[in-house]
Protein backbone atom coordinates (compact mmCIF):
# COMPACT_ATOMS: atom_id res chain seq x y z
CA MET A 1 1.06 23.07 -0.35
CA PRO A 2 3.50 20.72 -2.11
CA LYS A 3 6.41 22.21 -3.95
CA THR A 4 6.30 21.87 -7.73
CA SER A 5 9.52 21.55 -9.63
CA LYS A 6 9.87 23.21 -12.98
CA SER A 7 10.95 20.64 -15.53
CA LYS A 8 14.07 21.51 -17.44
CA LEU A 9 14.32 21.27 -21.18
CA THR A 10 16.83 18.62 -22.23
CA LEU A 11 18.97 18.10 -25.30
CA ALA A 12 17.06 14.86 -25.92
CA GLN A 13 13.75 16.77 -26.04
CA ILE A 14 15.19 19.24 -28.53
CA LYS A 15 16.55 16.44 -30.72
CA GLU A 16 13.15 14.76 -30.66
CA ALA A 17 11.42 18.00 -31.65
CA MET A 18 13.87 18.48 -34.51
CA THR A 19 12.90 15.16 -36.09
CA GLN A 20 9.82 16.85 -37.56
CA PHE A 21 12.10 18.82 -39.92
CA ILE A 22 14.08 15.83 -41.21
CA PRO A 23 11.66 14.79 -44.01
CA TYR A 24 11.52 18.35 -45.37
CA LEU A 25 15.29 18.79 -45.28
CA LYS A 26 15.88 15.37 -46.82
CA SER A 27 13.52 16.25 -49.67
CA HIS A 28 16.03 19.00 -50.48
CA THR A 29 18.99 16.59 -50.07
CA GLY A 30 19.92 18.20 -46.78
CA GLY A 31 19.80 17.53 -43.10
CA LEU A 32 20.79 18.79 -39.68
CA GLU A 33 22.50 17.63 -36.53
CA VAL A 34 21.67 19.05 -33.11
CA VAL A 35 25.02 19.70 -31.46
CA SER A 36 24.25 21.37 -28.14
CA TRP A 37 21.72 23.09 -25.91
CA ASN A 38 22.76 25.88 -23.53
CA SER A 39 19.98 26.38 -20.99
CA LYS A 40 21.61 29.52 -19.57
CA THR A 41 21.53 31.41 -22.86
CA GLY A 42 18.60 29.54 -24.44
CA THR A 43 20.74 28.70 -27.46
CA VAL A 44 20.49 25.57 -29.60
CA GLU A 45 23.50 24.88 -31.83
CA ILE A 46 23.03 22.85 -34.99
CA LYS A 47 25.12 21.77 -37.97
CA LEU A 48 23.50 21.93 -41.37
CA GLN A 49 24.30 19.01 -43.64
CA GLY A 50 24.17 18.18 -47.32
CA ALA A 51 22.61 20.78 -49.60
CA CYS A 52 21.38 22.75 -46.56
CA TYR A 53 24.97 23.63 -45.69
CA SER A 54 25.44 25.77 -48.80
CA CYS A 55 21.84 26.76 -49.54
CA ILE A 56 21.21 30.49 -49.85
CA LEU A 57 17.83 30.04 -48.14
CA ALA A 58 19.25 28.16 -45.14
CA SER A 59 19.17 31.23 -42.88
CA ILE A 60 15.48 31.76 -43.64
CA THR A 61 14.65 28.10 -43.01
CA LEU A 62 16.66 28.26 -39.79
CA LYS A 63 14.94 31.36 -38.38
CA GLU A 64 11.45 31.23 -39.85
CA VAL A 65 10.83 27.49 -39.64
CA ILE A 66 13.16 25.70 -37.23
CA GLU A 67 13.72 28.42 -34.62
CA ALA A 68 10.12 29.67 -34.75
CA ASN A 69 8.71 26.18 -34.20
CA LEU A 70 11.13 25.35 -31.40
CA ARG A 71 10.44 28.65 -29.63
CA GLN A 72 6.71 28.06 -29.87
CA LYS A 73 7.02 24.56 -28.43
CA TYR A 74 9.71 25.43 -25.88
CA PRO A 75 9.74 29.07 -24.69
CA GLU A 76 13.13 28.38 -23.05
CA VAL A 77 14.66 28.37 -26.54
CA LYS A 78 15.75 31.92 -27.42
CA LYS A 79 17.73 31.23 -30.59
CA VAL A 80 18.99 28.53 -32.91
CA ILE A 81 22.38 29.01 -34.53
CA THR A 82 24.51 27.06 -36.98
CA ILE A 83 28.10 26.21 -36.16
CA ASN A 84 29.22 24.98 -39.60
C-alpha cells in the first residue's frame, strides 16, 4: 500500500481563510492582519486594526466568529490570539 502524507496547514492557507472576515470587519471600520501560525501549539496570532483594535466586542468576534470558523475548517487550529 502506498504511503499517504498528511498535508500540513500553512500560513498562506490561514491567510486565505481569513479573507472571508475582511468585508465584515471593514464594514465596522476595522481589519486584521495574520501575523503567525505555530503548528506545534495550534495557535494563530493576529493583529486587530482600526476600530477593531479598541472595540469592546473584539474578544467575542475573535472567539465566536474568527476562531470558531477557523477551527471548523482546520482542526489543527486550537486558538486564535491577538498580539496588539
